[in-house]
Amino acid sequence: MPEKVASPAPHGTRAPASRRNAAIVAVGVVCGVAWAAGFRAYMVELAGPASTFSWWGTFGALLLPGAIAGGLLGWAEALRHSGGRRGWRWLALAPLAFAIAPMFLPGAVTTLLTQGLGGGAIAVALMGIGGGYALSGRGPLWARLLCGLVTAALTAALALTGPGIAGPSLAITEPRGAWVAVLAVSFIVVLALASSIPHRRVPLLDHAPDAAPPVG
């Protein structure tokens, strides 16, 4: 049975709702940039002295996708509180921005296919999407458990990659290594929580008591 879309709010509430929605999207953009900037610090810890910065590599391939993903998830939250829209739950794929943007770097696709470099960005996006579905509380229990287990396994692997990349100083038994592991895990959990927004149930609209049932 096709989902029904909630009836539009009365005319007098549209302007305040638009401002509220714009504010939610703006908050999402800021949070996305903050997330990406923080995750860049984690990448610096792994790369150590070999870490380099460039305008496109840092701002175009990481901070911009963070802004896009955050803005899309903020939009999802705004739509959720507005009764939803047809197809709005596809915004759960917003973390794919982190996997797609790096592919515009020169030679990125070839490097990914031949050396596997760039696969980490894809894994992070998938962890966000899978973790978001697992935490959403919607959908078949077995599917959420499966996504949760896969995401947890990938997150654990991410937390333990430090010694293999940067050496014994990032071993989880060392203070710095333990901090880097906590940093990585916390970032994935935050991304998963944000990515669960498009899966969440739509709240009842207090301002439209006679509206049709909301989407989702």
N, C-alpha and C. Protein backbone atom coordinates (compact mmCIF):
# COMPACT_ATOMS: atom_id res chain seq x y z
N MET A 1 0.86 -1.20 0.00
CA MET A 1 0.00 0.00 0.00
C MET A 1 0.89 1.24 0.00
N PRO A 2 0.70 2.15 -0.92
CA PRO A 2 1.58 3.34 -0.98
C PRO A 2 1.44 4.20 0.25
N GLU A 3 2.55 4.83 0.64
CA GLU A 3 2.54 5.70 1.80
C GLU A 3 1.79 6.99 1.48
N LYS A 4 1.15 7.51 2.48
CA LYS A 4 0.44 8.77 2.33
C LYS A 4 1.31 9.91 2.86
N VAL A 5 1.18 11.03 2.24
CA VAL A 5 1.91 12.22 2.65
C VAL A 5 0.99 13.10 3.47
N ALA A 6 1.51 13.63 4.57
CA ALA A 6 0.70 14.49 5.43
C ALA A 6 0.23 15.71 4.65
N SER A 7 -0.98 16.15 4.96
CA SER A 7 -1.50 17.35 4.31
C SER A 7 -0.65 18.54 4.71
N PRO A 8 -0.52 19.54 3.83
CA PRO A 8 0.30 20.71 4.16
C PRO A 8 -0.26 21.47 5.35
N ALA A 9 0.65 22.10 6.06
CA ALA A 9 0.24 22.88 7.23
C ALA A 9 -0.54 24.10 6.79
N PRO A 10 -1.34 24.67 7.68
CA PRO A 10 -2.07 25.91 7.35
C PRO A 10 -1.11 26.99 6.87
N HIS A 11 -1.63 27.89 6.05
CA HIS A 11 -0.79 28.89 5.39
C HIS A 11 0.01 29.71 6.39
N GLY A 12 -0.59 30.04 7.51
CA GLY A 12 0.08 30.89 8.48
C GLY A 12 1.30 30.28 9.11
N THR A 13 1.44 28.94 9.04
CA THR A 13 2.57 28.27 9.68
C THR A 13 3.70 28.00 8.71
N ARG A 14 3.52 28.29 7.42
CA ARG A 14 4.52 27.91 6.42
C ARG A 14 5.82 28.70 6.56
N ALA A 15 5.72 30.01 6.78
CA ALA A 15 6.93 30.82 6.90
C ALA A 15 7.76 30.41 8.10
N PRO A 16 7.16 30.29 9.32
CA PRO A 16 7.94 29.83 10.46
C PRO A 16 8.53 28.44 10.23
N ALA A 17 7.77 27.55 9.58
CA ALA A 17 8.28 26.21 9.32
C ALA A 17 9.47 26.26 8.36
N SER A 18 9.41 27.14 7.38
CA SER A 18 10.52 27.26 6.44
C SER A 18 11.78 27.74 7.13
N ARG A 19 11.61 28.72 8.02
CA ARG A 19 12.77 29.21 8.77
C ARG A 19 13.33 28.13 9.68
N ARG A 20 12.44 27.36 10.30
CA ARG A 20 12.89 26.27 11.17
C ARG A 20 13.64 25.23 10.37
N ASN A 21 13.10 24.86 9.21
CA ASN A 21 13.75 23.86 8.37
C ASN A 21 15.12 24.33 7.89
N ALA A 22 15.20 25.61 7.50
CA ALA A 22 16.49 26.16 7.06
C ALA A 22 17.50 26.13 8.20
N ALA A 23 17.03 26.42 9.42
CA ALA A 23 17.93 26.39 10.58
C ALA A 23 18.42 24.98 10.85
N ILE A 24 17.54 23.98 10.71
CA ILE A 24 17.94 22.59 10.94
C ILE A 24 18.97 22.15 9.91
N VAL A 25 18.76 22.52 8.64
CA VAL A 25 19.72 22.18 7.60
C VAL A 25 21.06 22.86 7.88
N ALA A 26 21.02 24.12 8.30
CA ALA A 26 22.26 24.85 8.60
C ALA A 26 23.02 24.18 9.74
N VAL A 27 22.30 23.75 10.77
CA VAL A 27 22.93 23.04 11.88
C VAL A 27 23.57 21.75 11.38
N GLY A 28 22.86 21.06 10.47
CA GLY A 28 23.41 19.84 9.90
C GLY A 28 24.69 20.08 9.14
N VAL A 29 24.74 21.18 8.38
CA VAL A 29 25.96 21.52 7.63
C VAL A 29 27.12 21.77 8.59
N VAL A 30 26.88 22.55 9.64
CA VAL A 30 27.94 22.86 10.61
C VAL A 30 28.42 21.58 11.29
N CYS A 31 27.48 20.74 11.70
CA CYS A 31 27.87 19.49 12.35
C CYS A 31 28.65 18.59 11.39
N GLY A 32 28.25 18.57 10.11
CA GLY A 32 28.96 17.76 9.14
C GLY A 32 30.38 18.23 8.92
N VAL A 33 30.57 19.55 8.85
CA VAL A 33 31.92 20.10 8.70
C VAL A 33 32.76 19.79 9.93
N ALA A 34 32.17 19.94 11.13
CA ALA A 34 32.90 19.65 12.36
C ALA A 34 33.30 18.18 12.41
N TRP A 35 32.39 17.30 12.00
CA TRP A 35 32.69 15.87 11.98
C TRP A 35 33.86 15.59 11.03
N ALA A 36 33.79 16.13 9.82
CA ALA A 36 34.83 15.87 8.83
C ALA A 36 36.18 16.44 9.27
N ALA A 37 36.17 17.63 9.87
CA ALA A 37 37.41 18.24 10.34
C ALA A 37 38.03 17.41 11.45
N GLY A 38 37.19 16.90 12.34
CA GLY A 38 37.69 16.05 13.41
C GLY A 38 38.23 14.74 12.89
N PHE A 39 37.54 14.18 11.91
CA PHE A 39 37.99 12.90 11.34
C PHE A 39 39.32 13.09 10.60
N ARG A 40 39.54 14.30 10.08
CA ARG A 40 40.83 14.58 9.45
C ARG A 40 41.95 14.49 10.47
N ALA A 41 41.67 14.88 11.70
CA ALA A 41 42.67 14.76 12.77
C ALA A 41 43.00 13.29 13.02
N TYR A 42 42.01 12.44 12.96
CA TYR A 42 42.25 11.00 13.11
C TYR A 42 43.16 10.49 11.99
N MET A 43 42.92 10.96 10.77
CA MET A 43 43.74 10.56 9.63
C MET A 43 45.18 11.04 9.80
N VAL A 44 45.35 12.22 10.38
CA VAL A 44 46.69 12.74 10.64
C VAL A 44 47.43 11.84 11.62
N GLU A 45 46.72 11.35 12.63
CA GLU A 45 47.35 10.46 13.59
C GLU A 45 47.84 9.18 12.93
N LEU A 46 47.08 8.66 11.99
CA LEU A 46 47.49 7.43 11.31
C LEU A 46 48.68 7.68 10.38
N ALA A 47 48.65 8.80 9.65
CA ALA A 47 49.70 9.08 8.67
C ALA A 47 50.97 9.60 9.32
N GLY A 48 50.84 10.27 10.47
CA GLY A 48 52.01 10.80 11.15
C GLY A 48 52.69 11.89 10.34
N PRO A 49 54.02 11.94 10.35
CA PRO A 49 54.76 12.99 9.62
C PRO A 49 54.51 12.98 8.12
N ALA A 50 54.04 11.84 7.60
CA ALA A 50 53.79 11.76 6.15
C ALA A 50 52.49 12.45 5.74
N SER A 51 51.71 12.89 6.72
CA SER A 51 50.44 13.53 6.42
C SER A 51 50.66 14.86 5.71
N THR A 52 49.94 15.10 4.65
CA THR A 52 50.02 16.35 3.90
C THR A 52 48.63 16.93 3.71
N PHE A 53 48.58 18.25 3.51
CA PHE A 53 47.31 18.94 3.30
C PHE A 53 47.32 19.59 1.92
N SER A 54 46.18 19.55 1.26
CA SER A 54 46.00 20.27 0.00
C SER A 54 44.59 20.84 -0.01
N TRP A 55 44.39 21.85 -0.85
CA TRP A 55 43.07 22.48 -0.89
C TRP A 55 41.98 21.48 -1.29
N TRP A 56 42.23 20.71 -2.35
CA TRP A 56 41.19 19.79 -2.78
C TRP A 56 41.12 18.57 -1.87
N GLY A 57 42.28 18.01 -1.52
CA GLY A 57 42.28 16.80 -0.72
C GLY A 57 41.61 16.99 0.64
N THR A 58 41.82 18.16 1.26
CA THR A 58 41.25 18.39 2.58
C THR A 58 39.87 19.04 2.51
N PHE A 59 39.77 20.12 1.73
CA PHE A 59 38.50 20.85 1.69
C PHE A 59 37.51 20.26 0.69
N GLY A 60 38.01 19.86 -0.48
CA GLY A 60 37.10 19.35 -1.50
C GLY A 60 36.69 17.91 -1.29
N ALA A 61 37.63 17.08 -0.82
CA ALA A 61 37.35 15.65 -0.71
C ALA A 61 36.94 15.22 0.69
N LEU A 62 36.96 16.12 1.67
CA LEU A 62 36.59 15.73 3.02
C LEU A 62 35.63 16.73 3.69
N LEU A 63 36.02 18.00 3.77
CA LEU A 63 35.16 18.97 4.43
C LEU A 63 33.88 19.25 3.63
N LEU A 64 34.01 19.36 2.31
CA LEU A 64 32.82 19.57 1.47
C LEU A 64 31.85 18.39 1.57
N PRO A 65 32.32 17.13 1.44
CA PRO A 65 31.39 16.01 1.65
C PRO A 65 30.77 16.02 3.04
N GLY A 66 31.55 16.46 4.05
CA GLY A 66 30.97 16.55 5.38
C GLY A 66 29.83 17.54 5.44
N ALA A 67 30.01 18.69 4.77
CA ALA A 67 28.94 19.68 4.72
C ALA A 67 27.73 19.14 3.97
N ILE A 68 27.97 18.42 2.86
CA ILE A 68 26.86 17.87 2.08
C ILE A 68 26.11 16.81 2.87
N ALA A 69 26.85 15.87 3.46
CA ALA A 69 26.21 14.80 4.23
C ALA A 69 25.45 15.38 5.42
N GLY A 70 26.07 16.32 6.13
CA GLY A 70 25.40 16.93 7.27
C GLY A 70 24.16 17.70 6.87
N GLY A 71 24.26 18.44 5.76
CA GLY A 71 23.10 19.18 5.28
C GLY A 71 21.95 18.27 4.86
N LEU A 72 22.28 17.17 4.19
CA LEU A 72 21.24 16.23 3.76
C LEU A 72 20.56 15.57 4.96
N LEU A 73 21.35 15.21 5.97
CA LEU A 73 20.76 14.60 7.16
C LEU A 73 19.97 15.63 7.96
N GLY A 74 20.42 16.89 7.95
CA GLY A 74 19.62 17.94 8.56
C GLY A 74 18.30 18.13 7.83
N TRP A 75 18.36 18.05 6.51
CA TRP A 75 17.14 18.15 5.70
C TRP A 75 16.20 17.00 6.02
N ALA A 76 16.77 15.80 6.22
CA ALA A 76 15.95 14.65 6.58
C ALA A 76 15.23 14.89 7.90
N GLU A 77 15.94 15.49 8.86
CA GLU A 77 15.30 15.78 10.15
C GLU A 77 14.19 16.82 9.97
N ALA A 78 14.43 17.82 9.13
CA ALA A 78 13.39 18.82 8.88
C ALA A 78 12.17 18.18 8.22
N LEU A 79 12.41 17.31 7.24
CA LEU A 79 11.30 16.64 6.56
C LEU A 79 10.56 15.72 7.52
N ARG A 80 11.29 15.06 8.39
CA ARG A 80 10.66 14.14 9.34
C ARG A 80 9.67 14.88 10.23
N HIS A 81 10.06 16.07 10.67
CA HIS A 81 9.17 16.85 11.54
C HIS A 81 8.09 17.58 10.75
N SER A 82 8.20 17.54 9.42
CA SER A 82 7.17 18.16 8.58
C SER A 82 6.20 17.13 8.02
N GLY A 83 6.32 15.90 8.45
CA GLY A 83 5.41 14.85 7.98
C GLY A 83 6.01 13.94 6.94
N GLY A 84 7.26 14.21 6.50
CA GLY A 84 7.89 13.36 5.50
C GLY A 84 7.47 13.70 4.08
N ARG A 85 8.18 13.16 3.13
CA ARG A 85 7.88 13.32 1.71
C ARG A 85 8.12 11.97 1.04
N ARG A 86 7.56 11.79 -0.13
CA ARG A 86 7.78 10.54 -0.85
C ARG A 86 9.27 10.43 -1.21
N GLY A 87 9.85 9.31 -0.86
CA GLY A 87 11.24 9.06 -1.18
C GLY A 87 12.24 9.71 -0.25
N TRP A 88 11.79 10.39 0.81
CA TRP A 88 12.71 11.14 1.67
C TRP A 88 13.67 10.23 2.43
N ARG A 89 13.28 8.96 2.60
CA ARG A 89 14.14 8.06 3.37
C ARG A 89 15.42 7.69 2.60
N TRP A 90 15.47 7.98 1.30
CA TRP A 90 16.71 7.77 0.55
C TRP A 90 17.83 8.69 1.04
N LEU A 91 17.48 9.70 1.83
CA LEU A 91 18.51 10.57 2.39
C LEU A 91 19.41 9.82 3.38
N ALA A 92 19.03 8.60 3.73
CA ALA A 92 19.87 7.77 4.58
C ALA A 92 21.20 7.44 3.89
N LEU A 93 21.25 7.62 2.58
CA LEU A 93 22.48 7.36 1.83
C LEU A 93 23.42 8.57 1.82
N ALA A 94 23.10 9.61 2.59
CA ALA A 94 23.91 10.83 2.60
C ALA A 94 25.40 10.57 2.87
N PRO A 95 25.78 9.62 3.74
CA PRO A 95 27.22 9.39 3.98
C PRO A 95 28.00 8.97 2.75
N LEU A 96 27.31 8.54 1.68
CA LEU A 96 28.04 8.18 0.46
C LEU A 96 28.81 9.36 -0.11
N ALA A 97 28.48 10.57 0.33
CA ALA A 97 29.24 11.74 -0.12
C ALA A 97 30.71 11.59 0.22
N PHE A 98 31.01 10.94 1.35
CA PHE A 98 32.40 10.73 1.75
C PHE A 98 33.12 9.75 0.82
N ALA A 99 32.38 8.85 0.21
CA ALA A 99 32.99 7.86 -0.69
C ALA A 99 33.09 8.38 -2.12
N ILE A 100 32.15 9.24 -2.52
CA ILE A 100 32.10 9.70 -3.91
C ILE A 100 33.09 10.83 -4.17
N ALA A 101 33.16 11.81 -3.26
CA ALA A 101 33.99 13.00 -3.49
C ALA A 101 35.46 12.66 -3.74
N PRO A 102 36.09 11.75 -2.98
CA PRO A 102 37.51 11.46 -3.24
C PRO A 102 37.77 10.87 -4.62
N MET A 103 36.74 10.31 -5.23
CA MET A 103 36.93 9.71 -6.55
C MET A 103 37.19 10.75 -7.64
N PHE A 104 36.99 12.04 -7.31
CA PHE A 104 37.27 13.10 -8.27
C PHE A 104 38.73 13.54 -8.23
N LEU A 105 39.49 13.01 -7.28
CA LEU A 105 40.92 13.30 -7.26
C LEU A 105 41.59 12.65 -8.48
N PRO A 106 42.59 13.27 -9.07
CA PRO A 106 43.25 12.69 -10.25
C PRO A 106 43.79 11.29 -9.95
N GLY A 107 43.40 10.33 -10.78
CA GLY A 107 43.89 8.97 -10.64
C GLY A 107 43.28 8.19 -9.49
N ALA A 108 42.26 8.74 -8.82
CA ALA A 108 41.71 8.10 -7.63
C ALA A 108 41.06 6.76 -7.95
N VAL A 109 40.31 6.69 -9.04
CA VAL A 109 39.62 5.44 -9.39
C VAL A 109 40.64 4.35 -9.70
N THR A 110 41.65 4.69 -10.49
CA THR A 110 42.68 3.71 -10.83
C THR A 110 43.41 3.23 -9.58
N THR A 111 43.74 4.16 -8.69
CA THR A 111 44.43 3.80 -7.45
C THR A 111 43.57 2.91 -6.57
N LEU A 112 42.27 3.19 -6.54
CA LEU A 112 41.36 2.36 -5.76
C LEU A 112 41.32 0.93 -6.30
N LEU A 113 41.23 0.81 -7.62
CA LEU A 113 41.09 -0.51 -8.24
C LEU A 113 42.39 -1.32 -8.19
N THR A 114 43.52 -0.64 -8.27
CA THR A 114 44.80 -1.36 -8.33
C THR A 114 45.47 -1.51 -6.97
N GLN A 115 45.29 -0.53 -6.08
CA GLN A 115 45.99 -0.58 -4.79
C GLN A 115 45.05 -0.59 -3.59
N GLY A 116 43.79 -0.33 -3.83
CA GLY A 116 42.83 -0.32 -2.72
C GLY A 116 42.81 0.96 -1.93
N LEU A 117 43.63 1.96 -2.32
CA LEU A 117 43.65 3.23 -1.61
C LEU A 117 42.34 3.99 -1.87
N GLY A 118 41.73 4.46 -0.84
CA GLY A 118 40.44 5.11 -0.94
C GLY A 118 39.31 4.21 -0.46
N GLY A 119 39.64 2.95 -0.24
CA GLY A 119 38.62 2.04 0.26
C GLY A 119 38.16 2.40 1.66
N GLY A 120 39.02 3.09 2.42
CA GLY A 120 38.64 3.49 3.76
C GLY A 120 37.46 4.45 3.76
N ALA A 121 37.43 5.37 2.78
CA ALA A 121 36.32 6.31 2.69
C ALA A 121 35.01 5.59 2.39
N ILE A 122 35.10 4.56 1.55
CA ILE A 122 33.90 3.77 1.25
C ILE A 122 33.45 3.02 2.49
N ALA A 123 34.41 2.45 3.23
CA ALA A 123 34.06 1.71 4.44
C ALA A 123 33.40 2.61 5.48
N VAL A 124 33.92 3.83 5.64
CA VAL A 124 33.33 4.77 6.60
C VAL A 124 31.89 5.10 6.21
N ALA A 125 31.66 5.34 4.92
CA ALA A 125 30.30 5.63 4.45
C ALA A 125 29.36 4.47 4.73
N LEU A 126 29.83 3.25 4.45
CA LEU A 126 28.99 2.07 4.68
C LEU A 126 28.74 1.83 6.15
N MET A 127 29.74 2.13 6.99
CA MET A 127 29.53 2.00 8.44
C MET A 127 28.48 2.98 8.92
N GLY A 128 28.51 4.20 8.39
CA GLY A 128 27.51 5.17 8.76
C GLY A 128 26.11 4.74 8.35
N ILE A 129 25.99 4.26 7.11
CA ILE A 129 24.69 3.84 6.59
C ILE A 129 24.18 2.61 7.34
N GLY A 130 25.04 1.59 7.46
CA GLY A 130 24.63 0.36 8.14
C GLY A 130 24.35 0.59 9.61
N GLY A 131 25.22 1.38 10.27
CA GLY A 131 24.99 1.68 11.68
C GLY A 131 23.73 2.48 11.90
N GLY A 132 23.45 3.40 10.98
CA GLY A 132 22.23 4.19 11.09
C GLY A 132 20.99 3.34 11.00
N TYR A 133 21.00 2.37 10.09
CA TYR A 133 19.85 1.47 9.97
C TYR A 133 19.71 0.60 11.21
N ALA A 134 20.85 0.13 11.74
CA ALA A 134 20.81 -0.72 12.93
C ALA A 134 20.25 0.01 14.14
N LEU A 135 20.52 1.30 14.24
CA LEU A 135 20.07 2.08 15.39
C LEU A 135 18.69 2.69 15.22
N SER A 136 18.11 2.53 14.04
CA SER A 136 16.88 3.25 13.71
C SER A 136 15.64 2.74 14.44
N GLY A 137 15.63 1.44 14.77
CA GLY A 137 14.43 0.87 15.37
C GLY A 137 13.34 0.54 14.38
N ARG A 138 13.60 0.69 13.10
CA ARG A 138 12.63 0.37 12.04
C ARG A 138 13.17 -0.73 11.16
N GLY A 139 12.26 -1.49 10.57
CA GLY A 139 12.68 -2.56 9.68
C GLY A 139 12.79 -3.89 10.41
N PRO A 140 13.00 -4.98 9.66
CA PRO A 140 13.10 -6.31 10.26
C PRO A 140 14.24 -6.38 11.27
N LEU A 141 14.00 -7.06 12.38
CA LEU A 141 15.01 -7.16 13.43
C LEU A 141 16.26 -7.85 12.93
N TRP A 142 16.09 -8.90 12.12
CA TRP A 142 17.26 -9.65 11.66
C TRP A 142 18.16 -8.77 10.79
N ALA A 143 17.54 -7.90 9.97
CA ALA A 143 18.32 -7.03 9.10
C ALA A 143 19.08 -5.99 9.93
N ARG A 144 18.43 -5.45 10.96
CA ARG A 144 19.10 -4.47 11.80
C ARG A 144 20.24 -5.11 12.60
N LEU A 145 20.01 -6.33 13.06
CA LEU A 145 21.07 -7.04 13.78
C LEU A 145 22.26 -7.32 12.87
N LEU A 146 21.97 -7.74 11.64
CA LEU A 146 23.04 -8.02 10.69
C LEU A 146 23.85 -6.77 10.40
N CYS A 147 23.16 -5.66 10.12
CA CYS A 147 23.85 -4.39 9.86
C CYS A 147 24.65 -3.95 11.07
N GLY A 148 24.07 -4.15 12.26
CA GLY A 148 24.77 -3.77 13.48
C GLY A 148 26.03 -4.58 13.70
N LEU A 149 25.97 -5.89 13.45
CA LEU A 149 27.14 -6.74 13.65
C LEU A 149 28.24 -6.40 12.66
N VAL A 150 27.87 -6.20 11.38
CA VAL A 150 28.86 -5.86 10.36
C VAL A 150 29.50 -4.52 10.67
N THR A 151 28.66 -3.54 11.05
CA THR A 151 29.19 -2.22 11.37
C THR A 151 30.11 -2.28 12.59
N ALA A 152 29.71 -3.04 13.61
CA ALA A 152 30.54 -3.17 14.81
C ALA A 152 31.88 -3.81 14.48
N ALA A 153 31.87 -4.83 13.61
CA ALA A 153 33.11 -5.50 13.24
C ALA A 153 34.04 -4.55 12.48
N LEU A 154 33.47 -3.79 11.54
CA LEU A 154 34.28 -2.83 10.78
C LEU A 154 34.80 -1.71 11.67
N THR A 155 33.98 -1.28 12.62
CA THR A 155 34.41 -0.22 13.54
C THR A 155 35.55 -0.71 14.42
N ALA A 156 35.45 -1.95 14.89
CA ALA A 156 36.53 -2.52 15.70
C ALA A 156 37.81 -2.62 14.89
N ALA A 157 37.67 -3.03 13.63
CA ALA A 157 38.85 -3.12 12.77
C ALA A 157 39.47 -1.74 12.56
N LEU A 158 38.62 -0.73 12.39
CA LEU A 158 39.11 0.63 12.22
C LEU A 158 39.88 1.10 13.45
N ALA A 159 39.35 0.75 14.62
CA ALA A 159 39.99 1.18 15.87
C ALA A 159 41.33 0.51 16.09
N LEU A 160 41.52 -0.66 15.49
CA LEU A 160 42.75 -1.43 15.71
C LEU A 160 43.75 -1.29 14.58
N THR A 161 43.49 -0.42 13.63
CA THR A 161 44.40 -0.29 12.48
C THR A 161 45.64 0.55 12.81
N GLY A 162 45.59 1.29 13.91
CA GLY A 162 46.68 2.19 14.23
C GLY A 162 48.07 1.57 14.21
N PRO A 163 48.31 0.47 14.97
CA PRO A 163 49.65 -0.12 14.98
C PRO A 163 50.13 -0.60 13.61
N GLY A 164 49.22 -1.13 12.82
CA GLY A 164 49.61 -1.64 11.51
C GLY A 164 50.01 -0.54 10.54
N ILE A 165 49.52 0.68 10.76
CA ILE A 165 49.81 1.79 9.86
C ILE A 165 50.91 2.69 10.41
N ALA A 166 50.79 3.04 11.69
CA ALA A 166 51.70 4.03 12.28
C ALA A 166 52.72 3.44 13.24
N GLY A 167 52.63 2.13 13.50
CA GLY A 167 53.61 1.52 14.37
C GLY A 167 53.12 1.33 15.79
N PRO A 168 54.00 0.81 16.67
CA PRO A 168 53.63 0.46 18.05
C PRO A 168 53.13 1.63 18.89
N SER A 169 53.48 2.86 18.52
CA SER A 169 53.05 4.00 19.32
C SER A 169 51.53 4.16 19.36
N LEU A 170 50.84 3.58 18.36
CA LEU A 170 49.38 3.66 18.33
C LEU A 170 48.73 2.35 18.74
N ALA A 171 49.51 1.48 19.42
CA ALA A 171 48.92 0.27 19.96
C ALA A 171 47.86 0.64 20.98
N ILE A 172 46.80 -0.14 21.05
CA ILE A 172 45.68 0.21 21.93
C ILE A 172 46.08 0.13 23.40
N THR A 173 47.21 -0.52 23.67
CA THR A 173 47.70 -0.60 25.05
C THR A 173 48.48 0.64 25.46
N GLU A 174 48.75 1.52 24.50
CA GLU A 174 49.45 2.77 24.77
C GLU A 174 48.42 3.91 24.91
N PRO A 175 48.70 4.91 25.76
CA PRO A 175 47.73 6.00 25.95
C PRO A 175 47.31 6.67 24.65
N ARG A 176 48.29 6.96 23.80
CA ARG A 176 47.96 7.64 22.54
C ARG A 176 47.16 6.72 21.62
N GLY A 177 47.54 5.46 21.56
CA GLY A 177 46.82 4.51 20.72
C GLY A 177 45.40 4.31 21.20
N ALA A 178 45.21 4.25 22.53
CA ALA A 178 43.86 4.11 23.08
C ALA A 178 43.01 5.32 22.75
N TRP A 179 43.63 6.52 22.81
CA TRP A 179 42.90 7.74 22.47
C TRP A 179 42.48 7.74 21.00
N VAL A 180 43.39 7.32 20.12
CA VAL A 180 43.06 7.27 18.69
C VAL A 180 41.94 6.28 18.43
N ALA A 181 41.95 5.14 19.14
CA ALA A 181 40.89 4.15 18.98
C ALA A 181 39.55 4.72 19.43
N VAL A 182 39.55 5.40 20.58
CA VAL A 182 38.32 6.02 21.07
C VAL A 182 37.83 7.09 20.09
N LEU A 183 38.78 7.85 19.54
CA LEU A 183 38.43 8.88 18.56
C LEU A 183 37.72 8.27 17.35
N ALA A 184 38.29 7.18 16.81
CA ALA A 184 37.71 6.54 15.64
C ALA A 184 36.33 5.98 15.93
N VAL A 185 36.20 5.26 17.04
CA VAL A 185 34.91 4.64 17.37
C VAL A 185 33.84 5.70 17.62
N SER A 186 34.20 6.76 18.35
CA SER A 186 33.21 7.79 18.65
C SER A 186 32.73 8.49 17.38
N PHE A 187 33.64 8.70 16.42
CA PHE A 187 33.22 9.33 15.16
C PHE A 187 32.25 8.44 14.39
N ILE A 188 32.50 7.15 14.36
CA ILE A 188 31.60 6.24 13.64
C ILE A 188 30.24 6.18 14.33
N VAL A 189 30.23 6.15 15.66
CA VAL A 189 28.97 6.11 16.38
C VAL A 189 28.16 7.38 16.12
N VAL A 190 28.83 8.53 16.15
CA VAL A 190 28.13 9.80 15.88
C VAL A 190 27.56 9.80 14.46
N LEU A 191 28.35 9.32 13.48
CA LEU A 191 27.87 9.28 12.11
C LEU A 191 26.67 8.34 11.98
N ALA A 192 26.73 7.20 12.67
CA ALA A 192 25.61 6.26 12.62
C ALA A 192 24.36 6.86 13.25
N LEU A 193 24.51 7.54 14.37
CA LEU A 193 23.35 8.18 15.00
C LEU A 193 22.72 9.20 14.07
N ALA A 194 23.55 10.01 13.42
CA ALA A 194 23.01 11.00 12.49
C ALA A 194 22.36 10.31 11.29
N SER A 195 22.96 9.21 10.83
CA SER A 195 22.44 8.52 9.65
C SER A 195 21.16 7.76 9.95
N SER A 196 20.82 7.61 11.22
CA SER A 196 19.56 6.93 11.57
C SER A 196 18.35 7.85 11.40
N ILE A 197 18.59 9.15 11.25
CA ILE A 197 17.48 10.11 11.18
C ILE A 197 16.48 9.78 10.07
N PRO A 198 16.93 9.50 8.83
CA PRO A 198 15.93 9.24 7.78
C PRO A 198 15.13 7.96 7.99
N HIS A 199 15.58 7.09 8.89
CA HIS A 199 14.84 5.85 9.16
C HIS A 199 13.82 6.00 10.28
N ARG A 200 13.93 7.06 11.05
CA ARG A 200 13.09 7.19 12.22
C ARG A 200 11.63 7.46 11.86
N ARG A 201 10.78 7.17 12.81
CA ARG A 201 9.35 7.39 12.58
C ARG A 201 9.04 8.88 12.54
N VAL A 202 8.03 9.22 11.78
CA VAL A 202 7.59 10.61 11.66
C VAL A 202 6.68 10.93 12.84
N PRO A 203 6.97 11.98 13.60
CA PRO A 203 6.10 12.33 14.73
C PRO A 203 4.77 12.87 14.23
N LEU A 204 3.75 12.77 15.08
CA LEU A 204 2.45 13.34 14.74
C LEU A 204 2.57 14.84 14.68
N LEU A 205 1.88 15.44 13.73
CA LEU A 205 1.95 16.88 13.55
C LEU A 205 0.90 17.56 14.43
N ASP A 206 1.36 18.27 15.44
CA ASP A 206 0.43 18.91 16.36
C ASP A 206 -0.39 20.01 15.69
N HIS A 207 0.19 20.64 14.63
CA HIS A 207 -0.51 21.77 14.02
C HIS A 207 -1.49 21.34 12.93
N ALA A 208 -1.54 20.01 12.64
CA ALA A 208 -2.46 19.55 11.59
C ALA A 208 -3.21 18.33 12.07
N PRO A 209 -4.16 18.48 13.01
CA PRO A 209 -4.85 17.34 13.58
C PRO A 209 -5.68 16.57 12.58
N ASP A 210 -6.11 17.20 11.50
CA ASP A 210 -6.96 16.52 10.53
C ASP A 210 -6.19 16.04 9.32
N ALA A 211 -4.84 16.08 9.41
CA ALA A 211 -4.03 15.69 8.26
C ALA A 211 -4.08 14.20 8.05
N ALA A 212 -3.76 13.80 6.83
CA ALA A 212 -3.64 12.37 6.53
C ALA A 212 -2.45 11.82 7.28
N PRO A 213 -2.40 10.48 7.51
CA PRO A 213 -1.28 9.90 8.24
C PRO A 213 0.05 10.28 7.59
N PRO A 214 1.07 10.65 8.38
CA PRO A 214 2.35 11.04 7.83
C PRO A 214 3.08 9.87 7.19
N VAL A 215 4.06 10.18 6.36
CA VAL A 215 4.87 9.15 5.70
C VAL A 215 5.68 8.43 6.76
N GLY A 216 5.79 7.13 6.65
CA GLY A 216 6.65 6.37 7.54
C GLY A 216 6.04 6.13 8.89
